Amino acid sequence: MDTAILKKDIIAYSKTIGIDKIGFAAPSTFEEMKVRLYRQQELHYQSGFEEKDIEKRTEPGLIFDTPKSIISIALAYPSKMKTKVISKKGERRGIFCRASWGTDYHAILRDRLKKLEEYIALKVPEARFKSMVDTGELVDRAVAERAGIGWSGKNCSIITPEFGSYVYLGEMITNIPFEPDHPMEDLCGSCNKCVDVCPTGALVQGGQLDAQKCIAFVTQTKGFLADEFREKLGNRLYGCDTCQTVCPENKGKDFHFHEEMEPDPEIAKPLLKPLLTMSNREFKDRFGHVSGSWRGKKPIQRNAIIALAHYKDDTAVPELIAVMKNDPRPVLRGTAAWALGKIGGSEAKDALTLAVAKEEDEEVLLEIRKGLDFFKEDSQVNMTM
């Protein structure tokens, strides 16, 4: 078997099945990444969503018998919507991050990796594979960096010269000994824009992320949000793109290569108020195919409530009162109470005052009192004017 010829064939075939970039890496231990991950663990900077065994995340030999190579793939996704929808008073909209536009990227990447496996198996019947996307053990960013897909940017994303950081990554461990490609030079240089503008300071420094503070992580949690994050959330329903949109390497980058990645504006940027009363079935039917639905509707609904408060959308007061009074989930009731206080108005104040006497959950009562405190703050401001 001439692996050099096979490698060229694989690269050529990958372009025919919608893989935008492919690279090959040695399967040795990712020593530098291992040190960084243990440091992240010590600092409690991990999200908790990732594989917990750091050895498995950095030692390909622990998850694959006698690995000889790792193939890394990248698919470019759109950064702009072809059709835009407008957020306006009475019809305010939230937004899903770009990585949740179109069909769930996990399904798209698995499709490409499966086709790649089948092609290689025809050429090399004894070939073995283990393919994965970001839900797998390996750190896909470390694999992509070693395989020459791009460099690891200060925003903790792989940045490619061709597509910027708007790429999905996947990898395949195999027993075929391909010649590895060379890592790419880090071109971030002295630029620090992503670190400087991170809404919550989650980018502690270039290349180091405190996931617990990252808005992208925060939007996926299910409990009450800390007040500091509510003020930073804006109209984000899932994820955050700030550290990508400010990156100079992403300027002018917008690719529409894959039909299944094209966003439906009514899903990627949905109206907020209808989200508050959406049933589980309705949520699954409408949003179940996008990656941002994986945690269910509760975080999305909570974030929608915070977004309505961000807009101070007084047209949503009746809906928010209904949530505060009737929703069986304390997080939703409490967040709605807080939002009513942020929006203000006599209808909201009266509803909060009544709710204090009826609510029994202590956490919700705390949020109701927070809502009422906003009215006290407004009164004090008016008295000093």
Protein backbone atom coordinates (compact mmCIF):
# COMPACT_ATOMS: atom_id res chain seq x y z
CA MET A 1 0.00 0.00 0.00
CA ASP A 2 1.43 3.34 -1.08
CA THR A 3 0.10 5.68 1.62
CA ALA A 4 1.34 8.78 -0.24
CA ILE A 5 -0.88 7.95 -3.23
CA LEU A 6 -3.75 6.99 -0.93
CA LYS A 7 -3.43 10.29 0.88
CA LYS A 8 -3.70 12.21 -2.41
CA ASP A 9 -6.73 10.12 -3.40
CA ILE A 10 -8.41 10.80 -0.06
CA ILE A 11 -7.79 14.54 -0.36
CA ALA A 12 -9.26 14.55 -3.88
CA TYR A 13 -12.27 12.47 -2.81
CA SER A 14 -12.92 14.65 0.24
CA LYS A 15 -13.58 17.62 -2.02
CA THR A 16 -16.29 15.68 -3.87
CA ILE A 17 -18.28 14.96 -0.69
CA GLY A 18 -18.31 18.45 0.76
CA ILE A 19 -15.23 18.51 2.98
CA ASP A 20 -13.72 21.96 2.66
CA LYS A 21 -10.34 21.24 4.22
CA ILE A 22 -8.54 18.08 5.29
CA GLY A 23 -5.29 17.44 7.13
CA PHE A 24 -3.32 14.53 8.56
CA ALA A 25 -1.71 14.37 11.99
CA ALA A 26 0.48 12.03 14.00
CA PRO A 27 -1.37 10.18 16.79
CA SER A 28 1.16 10.92 19.51
CA THR A 29 0.11 12.37 22.86
CA PHE A 30 -1.04 15.99 22.82
CA GLU A 31 1.36 16.94 25.60
CA GLU A 32 0.87 20.70 25.54
CA MET A 33 -2.91 20.36 25.48
CA LYS A 34 -2.75 17.90 28.37
CA VAL A 35 -0.87 20.41 30.53
CA ARG A 36 -3.35 23.12 29.62
CA LEU A 37 -6.37 20.95 30.40
CA TYR A 38 -5.05 19.96 33.81
CA ARG A 39 -4.44 23.64 34.52
CA GLN A 40 -7.99 24.44 33.40
CA GLN A 41 -9.25 21.75 35.75
CA GLU A 42 -7.29 23.20 38.68
CA LEU A 43 -8.75 26.64 37.98
CA HIS A 44 -12.31 25.25 37.57
CA TYR A 45 -12.45 26.74 34.08
CA GLN A 46 -14.06 23.69 32.45
CA SER A 47 -17.69 23.72 31.34
CA GLY A 48 -18.56 20.21 32.49
CA PHE A 49 -19.95 19.32 29.06
CA GLU A 50 -16.63 17.92 27.80
CA GLU A 51 -15.13 14.44 28.29
CA LYS A 52 -13.99 14.39 31.91
CA ASP A 53 -11.01 12.06 31.45
CA ILE A 54 -8.17 14.35 30.36
CA GLU A 55 -5.95 11.37 29.53
CA LYS A 56 -8.51 10.14 27.00
CA ARG A 57 -8.80 13.64 25.56
CA THR A 58 -5.09 13.79 24.83
CA GLU A 59 -3.93 10.16 24.39
CA PRO A 60 -5.29 8.66 21.13
CA GLY A 61 -3.88 5.26 22.14
CA LEU A 62 -6.30 5.08 25.06
CA ILE A 63 -9.35 5.18 22.80
CA PHE A 64 -8.02 3.32 19.73
CA ASP A 65 -5.85 0.23 19.49
CA THR A 66 -2.48 1.08 17.90
CA PRO A 67 -3.34 4.36 16.15
CA LYS A 68 -1.11 5.36 13.25
CA SER A 69 -2.72 8.62 12.04
CA ILE A 70 -5.51 11.07 12.69
CA ILE A 71 -7.40 12.67 9.81
CA SER A 72 -8.88 16.09 10.57
CA ILE A 73 -11.65 17.66 8.52
CA ALA A 74 -13.18 21.13 8.43
CA LEU A 75 -16.44 22.37 6.91
CA ALA A 76 -17.06 26.10 6.44
CA TYR A 77 -20.37 27.52 7.61
CA PRO A 78 -22.17 30.80 6.80
CA SER A 79 -21.61 33.95 8.83
CA LYS A 80 -24.46 35.93 7.30
CA MET A 81 -28.10 35.23 6.54
CA LYS A 82 -29.17 35.57 2.92
CA THR A 83 -32.64 36.64 4.07
CA LYS A 84 -32.88 38.99 7.02
CA VAL A 85 -35.68 39.48 9.51
CA ILE A 86 -36.12 42.62 11.56
CA SER A 87 -36.57 42.88 15.31
CA LYS A 88 -39.00 45.67 16.15
CA LYS A 89 -41.20 46.81 19.01
CA GLY A 90 -43.85 44.24 19.74
CA GLU A 91 -42.02 41.70 17.58
CA ARG A 92 -38.64 41.42 19.28
CA ARG A 93 -36.38 38.59 18.23
CA GLY A 94 -33.65 36.51 19.84
CA ILE A 95 -30.74 34.91 18.05
CA PHE A 96 -28.96 31.57 17.89
CA CYS A 97 -25.22 31.67 17.28
CA ARG A 98 -23.95 30.83 13.80
CA ALA A 99 -22.87 27.34 14.88
CA SER A 100 -26.57 26.59 15.42
CA TRP A 101 -27.76 27.73 12.01
CA GLY A 102 -29.14 25.05 9.73
CA THR A 103 -29.02 21.32 10.44
CA ASP A 104 -27.12 20.21 13.54
CA TYR A 105 -23.46 20.18 12.52
CA HIS A 106 -22.86 16.92 14.40
CA ALA A 107 -25.08 15.12 11.87
CA ILE A 108 -23.41 16.88 8.92
CA LEU A 109 -19.88 16.03 10.08
CA ARG A 110 -20.79 12.43 10.88
CA ASP A 111 -22.18 12.07 7.37
CA ARG A 112 -18.93 13.33 5.82
CA LEU A 113 -16.78 11.16 8.11
CA LYS A 114 -18.86 8.08 7.34
CA LYS A 115 -18.46 8.65 3.59
CA LEU A 116 -14.73 9.10 4.09
CA GLU A 117 -14.53 5.86 6.08
CA GLU A 118 -16.41 3.96 3.37
CA TYR A 119 -14.12 5.31 0.66
CA ILE A 120 -10.95 4.38 2.54
CA ALA A 121 -12.34 0.92 3.41
CA LEU A 122 -12.81 0.19 -0.29
CA LYS A 123 -9.16 1.05 -0.88
CA VAL A 124 -7.86 -0.63 2.28
CA PRO A 125 -10.19 -3.41 3.51
CA GLU A 126 -8.14 -3.95 6.68
CA ALA A 127 -8.39 -0.29 7.68
CA ARG A 128 -9.89 0.53 11.07
CA PHE A 129 -11.43 3.84 12.13
CA LYS A 130 -12.82 5.81 15.04
CA SER A 131 -14.52 9.02 13.96
CA MET A 132 -15.81 11.75 16.23
CA VAL A 133 -16.93 15.35 16.42
CA ASP A 134 -16.79 17.61 19.47
CA THR A 135 -18.80 15.19 21.58
CA GLY A 136 -15.98 12.63 21.26
CA GLU A 137 -12.98 12.21 23.51
CA LEU A 138 -10.23 14.00 21.61
CA VAL A 139 -9.88 17.78 21.61
CA ASP A 140 -10.76 18.49 17.99
CA ARG A 141 -9.02 21.86 18.10
CA ALA A 142 -5.71 20.25 19.08
CA VAL A 143 -6.05 17.67 16.29
CA ALA A 144 -6.89 20.33 13.69
CA GLU A 145 -3.97 22.48 14.79
CA ARG A 146 -1.50 19.60 14.49
CA ALA A 147 -2.98 18.59 11.12
CA GLY A 148 -2.41 22.06 9.64
CA ILE A 149 -6.10 22.95 9.30
CA GLY A 150 -5.44 26.30 11.00
CA TRP A 151 -3.87 27.83 14.05
CA SER A 152 -5.39 27.99 17.53
CA GLY A 153 -6.49 31.59 17.93
CA LYS A 154 -6.62 33.71 21.04
CA ASN A 155 -10.41 33.28 20.88
CA CYS A 156 -9.87 29.52 21.46
CA SER A 157 -11.11 28.69 17.96
CA ILE A 158 -9.21 27.19 15.05
CA ILE A 159 -8.62 29.98 12.53
CA THR A 160 -8.10 28.96 8.92
CA PRO A 161 -6.63 31.28 6.28
CA GLU A 162 -9.45 30.38 3.90
CA PHE A 163 -12.55 30.45 6.10
CA GLY A 164 -11.51 32.23 9.26
CA SER A 165 -12.86 30.52 12.38
CA TYR A 166 -16.25 29.80 10.83
CA VAL A 167 -15.54 26.08 10.50
CA TYR A 168 -16.86 22.89 12.04
CA LEU A 169 -14.25 20.28 12.95
CA GLY A 170 -14.23 16.50 13.00
CA GLU A 171 -11.55 13.83 13.16
CA MET A 172 -10.89 10.19 12.42
CA ILE A 173 -8.30 8.00 14.09
CA THR A 174 -7.03 5.19 11.85
CA ASN A 175 -4.48 2.41 11.70
CA ILE A 176 -3.12 3.67 8.36
CA PRO A 177 0.27 5.41 8.71
CA PHE A 178 -0.15 8.58 6.66
CA GLU A 179 2.60 11.17 6.37
CA PRO A 180 1.55 13.98 8.76
CA ASP A 181 1.03 17.54 7.62
CA HIS A 182 2.73 20.48 9.25
CA PRO A 183 1.11 22.79 11.83
CA MET A 184 0.41 26.33 10.71
CA GLU A 185 2.09 29.46 12.01
CA ASP A 186 0.08 31.37 14.61
CA LEU A 187 -0.96 34.62 12.92
CA CYS A 188 -2.84 36.30 15.79
CA GLY A 189 0.29 38.30 16.57
CA SER A 190 -0.32 41.28 18.85
CA CYS A 191 -4.05 41.43 18.07
CA ASN A 192 -6.08 41.10 21.26
CA LYS A 193 -9.53 42.20 20.11
CA CYS A 194 -11.35 39.03 21.11
CA VAL A 195 -9.95 39.18 24.64
CA ASP A 196 -10.70 42.89 24.98
CA VAL A 197 -14.36 42.68 23.93
CA CYS A 198 -15.42 39.40 25.55
CA PRO A 199 -18.69 40.40 27.28
CA THR A 200 -17.92 38.69 30.58
CA GLY A 201 -14.13 38.54 30.60
CA ALA A 202 -14.32 34.79 30.00
CA LEU A 203 -11.27 35.01 27.76
CA VAL A 204 -8.85 35.35 30.65
CA GLN A 205 -6.01 35.81 28.20
CA GLY A 206 -5.32 34.79 24.63
CA GLY A 207 -6.01 31.08 24.33
CA GLN A 208 -7.34 30.63 27.87
CA LEU A 209 -11.07 30.48 28.46
CA ASP A 210 -12.98 30.34 31.73
CA ALA A 211 -15.93 28.38 30.36
CA GLN A 212 -17.97 29.07 33.49
CA LYS A 213 -18.10 32.75 32.48
CA CYS A 214 -18.48 32.24 28.74
CA ILE A 215 -21.85 33.46 27.42
CA ALA A 216 -21.95 30.49 25.03
CA PHE A 217 -21.82 28.16 28.04
CA VAL A 218 -24.12 30.28 30.18
CA THR A 219 -26.90 30.14 27.56
CA GLN A 220 -26.87 26.34 27.84
CA THR A 221 -27.28 26.10 31.61
CA LYS A 222 -30.69 25.29 33.05
CA GLY A 223 -30.84 27.09 36.38
CA PHE A 224 -31.19 30.73 37.37
CA LEU A 225 -28.59 32.95 35.76
CA ALA A 226 -26.43 35.13 37.98
CA ASP A 227 -27.48 38.77 37.66
CA GLU A 228 -24.13 39.70 36.11
CA PHE A 229 -24.81 37.37 33.18
CA ARG A 230 -28.38 38.53 32.68
CA GLU A 231 -27.09 42.01 32.03
CA LYS A 232 -24.65 40.68 29.41
CA LEU A 233 -26.89 38.21 27.61
CA GLY A 234 -28.63 40.71 25.33
CA ASN A 235 -30.92 38.87 22.92
CA ARG A 236 -28.79 35.72 22.72
CA LEU A 237 -30.82 32.51 22.98
CA TYR A 238 -27.99 30.08 22.39
CA GLY A 239 -24.27 30.62 22.06
CA CYS A 240 -22.20 33.74 21.50
CA ASP A 241 -20.27 34.91 18.45
CA THR A 242 -18.62 38.07 19.79
CA CYS A 243 -15.06 36.70 19.85
CA GLN A 244 -15.53 35.59 16.23
CA THR A 245 -17.23 38.65 14.80
CA VAL A 246 -14.50 41.00 16.05
CA CYS A 247 -11.67 38.83 14.70
CA PRO A 248 -9.89 40.53 11.77
CA GLU A 249 -9.32 37.10 10.21
CA ASN A 250 -13.09 36.72 9.87
CA LYS A 251 -13.64 40.02 8.10
CA GLY A 252 -15.46 39.39 4.82
CA LYS A 253 -15.63 35.63 5.44
CA ASP A 254 -19.04 34.21 4.54
CA PHE A 255 -19.40 30.85 2.81
CA HIS A 256 -22.51 29.09 1.63
CA PHE A 257 -21.13 25.77 0.43
CA HIS A 258 -23.56 23.44 2.19
CA GLU A 259 -27.30 23.68 1.70
CA GLU A 260 -28.05 21.96 5.01
CA MET A 261 -26.19 24.73 6.86
CA GLU A 262 -28.34 27.53 5.47
CA PRO A 263 -30.32 29.19 8.25
CA ASP A 264 -34.06 29.64 8.28
CA PRO A 265 -34.25 33.22 9.65
CA GLU A 266 -37.45 32.42 11.58
CA ILE A 267 -35.55 29.69 13.44
CA ALA A 268 -32.10 31.28 13.70
CA LYS A 269 -33.61 34.60 14.79
CA PRO A 270 -37.05 33.71 16.17
CA LEU A 271 -39.72 35.91 17.67
CA LEU A 272 -39.36 35.90 21.45
CA LYS A 273 -42.90 36.00 22.77
CA PRO A 274 -44.13 32.80 21.05
CA LEU A 275 -41.23 30.92 22.67
CA LEU A 276 -42.69 31.48 26.13
CA THR A 277 -45.73 29.26 25.58
CA MET A 278 -44.24 26.69 23.22
CA SER A 279 -44.96 23.05 24.10
CA ASN A 280 -42.28 20.37 24.09
CA ARG A 281 -43.70 18.95 20.86
CA GLU A 282 -43.78 22.35 19.18
CA PHE A 283 -40.21 23.05 20.27
CA LYS A 284 -38.96 19.72 18.98
CA ASP A 285 -40.82 20.08 15.67
CA ARG A 286 -39.47 23.56 15.08
CA PHE A 287 -36.00 23.56 16.63
CA GLY A 288 -35.15 19.88 17.06
CA HIS A 289 -32.92 19.77 13.98
CA VAL A 290 -30.57 22.54 15.15
CA SER A 291 -27.64 22.02 17.51
CA GLY A 292 -28.93 24.69 19.87
CA SER A 293 -31.87 22.49 20.87
CA TRP A 294 -29.80 19.81 22.59
CA ARG A 295 -30.52 21.07 26.11
CA GLY A 296 -34.25 21.30 25.51
CA LYS A 297 -36.58 24.28 25.56
CA LYS A 298 -36.10 25.46 29.16
CA PRO A 299 -32.79 27.33 28.69
CA ILE A 300 -34.07 28.86 25.45
CA GLN A 301 -37.26 30.07 27.14
CA ARG A 302 -35.34 31.48 30.11
CA ASN A 303 -33.01 33.31 27.73
CA ALA A 304 -36.00 34.59 25.76
CA ILE A 305 -37.41 36.11 28.95
CA ILE A 306 -34.08 37.82 29.65
CA ALA A 307 -33.99 39.09 26.06
CA LEU A 308 -37.44 40.66 26.47
CA ALA A 309 -36.12 42.41 29.59
CA HIS A 310 -33.07 43.54 27.61
CA TYR A 311 -35.41 45.18 25.08
CA LYS A 312 -37.68 46.51 27.86
CA ASP A 313 -40.51 45.20 25.71
CA ASP A 314 -43.63 46.37 27.53
CA THR A 315 -45.83 44.58 24.98
CA ALA A 316 -44.61 41.31 26.54
CA VAL A 317 -45.80 42.18 30.06
CA PRO A 318 -49.06 40.14 29.85
CA GLU A 319 -47.15 37.06 28.63
CA LEU A 320 -44.51 37.46 31.34
CA ILE A 321 -47.17 37.81 34.03
CA ALA A 322 -48.75 34.58 32.79
CA VAL A 323 -45.39 32.80 33.01
CA MET A 324 -44.76 34.16 36.52
CA LYS A 325 -48.19 33.04 37.71
CA ASN A 326 -48.67 29.75 35.90
CA ASP A 327 -45.44 28.14 34.74
CA PRO A 328 -44.65 25.02 36.82
CA ARG A 329 -40.88 25.63 36.57
CA PRO A 330 -39.43 27.91 39.26
CA VAL A 331 -36.61 29.14 37.01
CA LEU A 332 -39.09 30.42 34.46
CA ARG A 333 -41.42 31.97 37.03
CA GLY A 334 -38.56 33.70 38.82
CA THR A 335 -36.86 34.95 35.68
CA ALA A 336 -40.18 36.32 34.43
CA ALA A 337 -40.61 38.20 37.73
CA TRP A 338 -37.14 39.72 37.40
CA ALA A 339 -37.90 40.67 33.78
CA LEU A 340 -41.15 42.39 34.78
CA GLY A 341 -39.21 44.55 37.20
CA LYS A 342 -36.67 45.43 34.50
CA ILE A 343 -39.40 46.39 32.05
CA GLY A 344 -41.40 48.35 34.62
CA GLY A 345 -44.84 49.88 34.41
CA SER A 346 -47.87 49.79 36.72
CA GLU A 347 -49.21 46.50 35.33
CA ALA A 348 -45.92 44.76 36.04
CA LYS A 349 -45.63 46.28 39.51
CA ASP A 350 -49.16 45.27 40.49
CA ALA A 351 -48.57 41.71 39.29
CA LEU A 352 -45.33 41.44 41.26
CA THR A 353 -46.99 42.79 44.39
CA LEU A 354 -49.73 40.16 44.15
CA ALA A 355 -47.21 37.42 43.41
CA VAL A 356 -45.32 38.03 46.66
CA ALA A 357 -48.35 36.87 48.62
CA LYS A 358 -49.01 33.77 46.52
CA GLU A 359 -45.59 32.38 45.58
CA GLU A 360 -44.20 29.66 47.86
CA ASP A 361 -40.84 28.86 46.26
CA GLU A 362 -38.04 30.75 48.05
CA GLU A 363 -35.89 31.23 44.95
CA VAL A 364 -38.83 32.60 43.00
CA LEU A 365 -39.73 34.92 45.89
CA LEU A 366 -36.18 36.26 45.79
CA GLU A 367 -36.60 37.06 42.10
CA ILE A 368 -39.97 38.73 42.72
CA ARG A 369 -38.35 40.95 45.34
CA LYS A 370 -35.56 41.76 42.90
CA GLY A 371 -38.23 42.79 40.42
CA LEU A 372 -39.92 45.03 42.97
CA ASP A 373 -36.56 46.53 43.93
CA PHE A 374 -36.22 47.95 40.42
CA PHE A 375 -39.27 50.12 41.13
CA LYS A 376 -37.66 51.40 44.33
CA GLU A 377 -34.49 52.25 42.41
CA ASP A 378 -36.54 54.13 39.82
CA SER A 379 -38.30 56.10 42.57
CA GLN A 380 -35.00 57.07 44.17
CA VAL A 381 -33.62 58.20 40.82
CA ASN A 382 -36.70 60.31 40.15
CA MET A 383 -36.44 61.93 43.61
CA THR A 384 -32.86 63.04 42.96
CA MET A 385 -33.63 64.53 39.56
